[in-house]
Amino acid sequence: MNQLKLFIITLFVAFANISFSNAQWTTNGTNVYNILGNVGIGSSNLYDKLTICGTSSWTGQSIKSSASYGGAYIDFYKSNGSKFGGCTMDELSNAMILRTYCCDGQVKLQTNWADRLIIDKDGKVGIGVSAPDELLTVNGTVHAKEVKIDVTGFADFVFDQNYKLMPLHQVEQFVKANSHLPEIPSFAQVSKNGVSVGELQNKLLQKIEELTLYVIEQQKELDQLKQELKK
């Protein structure tokens, strides 16, 4: 009689577990899903639909994630198993890091399936271009409140007493022959190679300072003529 009671209790518990399991999990062909609760692997503290404590990976084109002291990371793998790139949350430096492991890997930001920003393997950044040729290459208009440019040297050497100012008649000959000022790039050069803003600003300042010296010299000649006319 006691054995019969034990069998009935065991059977009841088994059916209760089956009913509880069916209430949590549903099978549909080869699919198994849970629509009521959260799932935890390696953790009983469940904050989301799926919580994984430890390393997880998928075969093929895969994702591998892990958490450790100071941050967490997600790595992406190619179908051949080689590591391609990843993302790291670095708590120590308070940074979110995107990276590629391939020697020719790029990082791209897209909107509407179109590339908007590209960082190539050498760290060159392109906006509106697919192959940046400088640290920052922009194909379009840049709107800024202020731009600060570091320059090497400055045009104030024009005011040095030993600076030799080109005579105006020579400037005239040069302009007639070349259609641009001395030491200023021509239209053909600018069209082909672009222009360095810092260098051009310095050259323009040099020409303004030279012009100032020409005006000062002409004023001296005018004052001398006025004195001679008074005699």
Protein backbone atom coordinates (compact mmCIF):
# COMPACT_ATOMS: atom_id res chain seq x y z
CA MET A 1 0.00 0.00 0.00
CA ASN A 2 2.83 2.39 0.86
CA GLN A 3 4.52 1.55 -2.44
CA LEU A 4 1.32 2.40 -4.30
CA LYS A 5 1.08 5.77 -2.54
CA LEU A 6 4.73 6.51 -3.40
CA PHE A 7 4.10 5.63 -7.05
CA ILE A 8 1.04 7.91 -7.22
CA ILE A 9 2.95 10.82 -5.63
CA THR A 10 5.89 10.33 -8.02
CA LEU A 11 3.53 10.22 -11.00
CA PHE A 12 1.78 13.40 -9.82
CA VAL A 13 5.09 15.25 -9.48
CA ALA A 14 6.16 14.11 -12.94
CA PHE A 15 2.93 15.35 -14.53
CA ALA A 16 3.22 18.60 -12.61
CA ASN A 17 6.75 19.14 -14.00
CA ILE A 18 5.58 18.33 -17.52
CA SER A 19 2.72 20.80 -17.21
CA PHE A 20 5.08 23.48 -15.87
CA SER A 21 7.54 22.81 -18.67
CA ASN A 22 4.86 22.97 -21.34
CA ALA A 23 3.62 26.23 -19.86
CA GLN A 24 7.12 27.75 -20.36
CA TRP A 25 8.34 26.15 -23.57
CA THR A 26 6.60 25.51 -26.86
CA THR A 27 7.78 23.29 -29.69
CA ASN A 28 6.89 23.83 -33.34
CA GLY A 29 8.68 21.38 -35.59
CA THR A 30 12.38 21.89 -34.89
CA ASN A 31 11.78 25.24 -33.16
CA VAL A 32 11.64 25.59 -29.40
CA TYR A 33 10.66 28.91 -27.85
CA ASN A 34 9.65 30.50 -24.58
CA ILE A 35 7.08 33.30 -24.64
CA LEU A 36 6.61 33.90 -20.92
CA GLY A 37 9.95 34.28 -19.18
CA ASN A 38 13.64 35.04 -19.54
CA VAL A 39 16.40 32.54 -20.34
CA GLY A 40 19.67 32.38 -18.45
CA ILE A 41 22.85 30.49 -19.32
CA GLY A 42 25.47 30.51 -16.61
CA SER A 43 23.51 33.01 -14.53
CA SER A 44 20.37 33.14 -12.41
CA ASN A 45 20.19 36.96 -12.52
CA LEU A 46 18.06 37.46 -15.61
CA TYR A 47 17.67 41.04 -16.79
CA ASP A 48 16.68 40.41 -20.41
CA LYS A 49 15.14 37.73 -22.62
CA LEU A 50 18.57 36.08 -22.90
CA THR A 51 21.35 36.47 -20.34
CA ILE A 52 24.68 34.72 -20.92
CA CYS A 53 27.44 34.79 -18.34
CA GLY A 54 30.65 33.65 -19.98
CA THR A 55 31.79 33.13 -23.56
CA SER A 56 29.31 32.25 -26.30
CA SER A 57 29.92 31.46 -29.95
CA TRP A 58 28.13 30.34 -33.12
CA THR A 59 29.58 28.35 -36.00
CA GLY A 60 29.91 29.66 -39.56
CA GLN A 61 29.83 33.45 -39.80
CA SER A 62 29.80 33.77 -36.05
CA ILE A 63 29.68 36.11 -33.10
CA LYS A 64 31.65 35.57 -29.92
CA SER A 65 30.98 37.56 -26.79
CA SER A 66 32.63 37.63 -23.40
CA ALA A 67 32.73 39.72 -20.25
CA SER A 68 35.67 40.24 -17.95
CA TYR A 69 36.92 42.66 -15.34
CA GLY A 70 37.00 46.13 -16.82
CA GLY A 71 34.68 45.55 -19.76
CA ALA A 72 33.15 43.21 -22.30
CA TYR A 73 33.65 42.47 -25.98
CA ILE A 74 31.95 41.00 -29.01
CA ASP A 75 34.05 39.53 -31.84
CA PHE A 76 32.87 38.71 -35.37
CA TYR A 77 34.29 35.80 -37.37
CA LYS A 78 34.29 35.00 -41.09
CA SER A 79 32.84 31.76 -42.41
CA ASN A 80 36.38 30.32 -42.58
CA GLY A 81 36.78 30.83 -38.85
CA SER A 82 39.21 33.76 -39.02
CA LYS A 83 38.58 36.71 -36.75
CA PHE A 84 37.36 39.79 -38.65
CA GLY A 85 36.51 42.54 -36.16
CA GLY A 86 34.74 43.38 -32.97
CA CYS A 87 33.45 45.82 -30.42
CA THR A 88 34.71 46.37 -26.88
CA MET A 89 33.15 48.18 -23.95
CA ASP A 90 36.23 49.29 -22.02
CA GLU A 91 35.27 50.43 -18.54
CA LEU A 92 38.85 51.27 -17.59
CA SER A 93 39.18 53.94 -20.31
CA ASN A 94 35.43 54.66 -20.40
CA ALA A 95 35.34 54.00 -24.14
CA MET A 96 33.43 52.01 -26.74
CA ILE A 97 35.97 50.57 -29.18
CA LEU A 98 35.30 49.37 -32.75
CA ARG A 99 38.12 47.51 -34.47
CA THR A 100 39.10 45.25 -37.36
CA TYR A 101 41.67 42.47 -37.25
CA CYS A 102 42.16 42.13 -41.02
CA CYS A 103 45.09 43.92 -42.64
CA ASP A 104 42.71 45.48 -45.21
CA GLY A 105 39.66 45.83 -42.97
CA GLN A 106 37.52 48.98 -42.92
CA VAL A 107 34.99 50.43 -40.51
CA LYS A 108 31.92 51.92 -42.18
CA LEU A 109 28.89 53.87 -41.02
CA GLN A 110 25.84 53.70 -43.28
CA THR A 111 22.41 55.29 -43.63
CA ASN A 112 19.88 54.07 -46.19
CA TRP A 113 22.39 51.35 -47.11
CA ALA A 114 24.86 53.96 -48.36
CA ASP A 115 28.36 54.51 -46.96
CA ARG A 116 28.54 57.83 -45.10
CA LEU A 117 31.81 57.52 -43.16
CA ILE A 118 34.75 55.20 -43.77
CA ILE A 119 37.84 54.52 -41.66
CA ASP A 120 40.42 52.58 -43.65
CA LYS A 121 43.18 50.25 -42.43
CA ASP A 122 45.64 53.17 -42.05
CA GLY A 123 43.24 55.25 -39.93
CA LYS A 124 42.31 57.64 -42.74
CA VAL A 125 38.76 58.92 -42.46
CA GLY A 126 36.57 59.56 -45.49
CA ILE A 127 33.21 61.34 -45.58
CA GLY A 128 31.45 61.10 -48.93
CA VAL A 129 34.41 59.20 -50.45
CA SER A 130 35.24 55.50 -50.69
CA ALA A 131 39.04 55.84 -50.62
CA PRO A 132 40.32 58.68 -48.38
CA ASP A 133 43.79 59.88 -49.36
CA GLU A 134 44.49 61.98 -46.25
CA LEU A 135 43.81 61.60 -42.52
CA LEU A 136 40.48 63.32 -43.24
CA THR A 137 39.00 63.48 -46.74
CA VAL A 138 35.62 65.14 -47.25
CA ASN A 139 33.71 65.26 -50.53
CA GLY A 140 31.32 68.09 -49.80
CA THR A 141 30.89 71.28 -47.80
CA VAL A 142 32.25 71.60 -44.27
CA HIS A 143 30.36 74.04 -42.05
CA ALA A 144 32.33 75.22 -39.03
CA LYS A 145 32.20 78.18 -36.67
CA GLU A 146 35.97 78.37 -36.54
CA VAL A 147 38.94 76.50 -38.03
CA LYS A 148 42.35 76.52 -36.35
CA ILE A 149 45.35 75.59 -38.50
CA ASP A 150 48.90 75.04 -37.33
CA VAL A 151 51.51 76.62 -39.63
CA THR A 152 55.28 76.39 -39.76
CA GLY A 153 56.80 79.83 -40.16
CA PHE A 154 54.97 83.09 -40.71
CA ALA A 155 55.11 85.86 -43.29
CA ASP A 156 56.45 88.54 -40.95
CA PHE A 157 59.91 87.91 -42.41
CA VAL A 158 58.83 90.43 -45.08
CA PHE A 159 59.43 93.22 -42.56
CA ASP A 160 62.98 92.12 -41.90
CA GLN A 161 65.45 94.82 -42.91
CA ASN A 162 67.36 92.37 -45.13
CA TYR A 163 64.26 91.23 -47.04
CA LYS A 164 64.61 92.03 -50.75
CA LEU A 165 61.34 93.28 -52.19
CA MET A 166 60.81 92.49 -55.86
CA PRO A 167 60.72 95.73 -57.89
CA LEU A 168 57.25 96.54 -59.20
CA HIS A 169 58.30 96.42 -62.83
CA GLN A 170 59.48 92.83 -62.30
CA VAL A 171 56.15 91.96 -60.64
CA GLU A 172 54.38 93.40 -63.67
CA GLN A 173 56.48 91.31 -66.06
CA PHE A 174 55.84 88.14 -64.04
CA VAL A 175 52.06 88.71 -63.93
CA LYS A 176 51.92 89.35 -67.68
CA ALA A 177 53.88 86.17 -68.39
CA ASN A 178 52.19 83.82 -65.86
CA SER A 179 48.76 85.31 -65.03
CA HIS A 180 49.31 84.96 -61.29
CA LEU A 181 51.41 86.55 -58.56
CA PRO A 182 54.93 85.31 -57.77
CA GLU A 183 54.97 82.43 -55.22
CA ILE A 184 51.19 81.97 -55.56
CA PRO A 185 50.05 78.73 -57.26
CA SER A 186 48.46 78.96 -60.68
CA PHE A 187 44.91 77.91 -61.56
CA ALA A 188 46.26 74.77 -63.25
CA GLN A 189 48.24 73.79 -60.15
CA VAL A 190 45.27 74.34 -57.83
CA SER A 191 42.94 72.42 -60.14
CA LYS A 192 45.30 69.45 -60.20
CA ASN A 193 46.65 69.34 -56.64
CA GLY A 194 44.18 71.37 -54.59
CA VAL A 195 45.42 73.99 -52.17
CA SER A 196 46.87 73.90 -48.67
CA VAL A 197 44.77 76.38 -46.71
CA GLY A 198 47.46 77.13 -44.12
CA GLU A 199 50.19 77.60 -46.74
CA LEU A 200 48.01 79.76 -48.98
CA GLN A 201 46.90 81.96 -46.07
CA ASN A 202 50.54 82.53 -45.20
CA LYS A 203 51.40 83.39 -48.82
CA LEU A 204 48.48 85.81 -49.05
CA LEU A 205 49.64 87.51 -45.85
CA GLN A 206 53.12 87.75 -47.37
CA LYS A 207 51.66 89.52 -50.43
CA ILE A 208 49.67 91.91 -48.21
CA GLU A 209 52.80 92.77 -46.26
CA GLU A 210 54.75 93.27 -49.50
CA LEU A 211 51.94 95.50 -50.77
CA THR A 212 52.18 97.49 -47.55
CA LEU A 213 55.90 98.04 -48.18
CA TYR A 214 55.18 99.15 -51.77
CA VAL A 215 52.62 101.67 -50.50
CA ILE A 216 55.01 102.97 -47.86
CA GLU A 217 57.73 103.38 -50.47
CA GLN A 218 55.38 105.19 -52.87
CA GLN A 219 54.22 107.47 -50.06
CA LYS A 220 57.82 108.43 -49.38
CA GLU A 221 58.28 109.26 -53.06
CA LEU A 222 55.08 111.38 -53.05
CA ASP A 223 56.21 113.28 -49.97
CA GLN A 224 59.57 113.94 -51.59
CA LEU A 225 57.90 115.26 -54.76
CA LYS A 226 55.68 117.55 -52.68
CA GLN A 227 58.74 118.97 -50.95
CA GLU A 228 60.48 119.57 -54.25
CA LEU A 229 57.39 121.31 -55.69
CA LYS A 230 57.33 123.69 -52.75
CA LYS A 231 60.83 124.90 -53.49
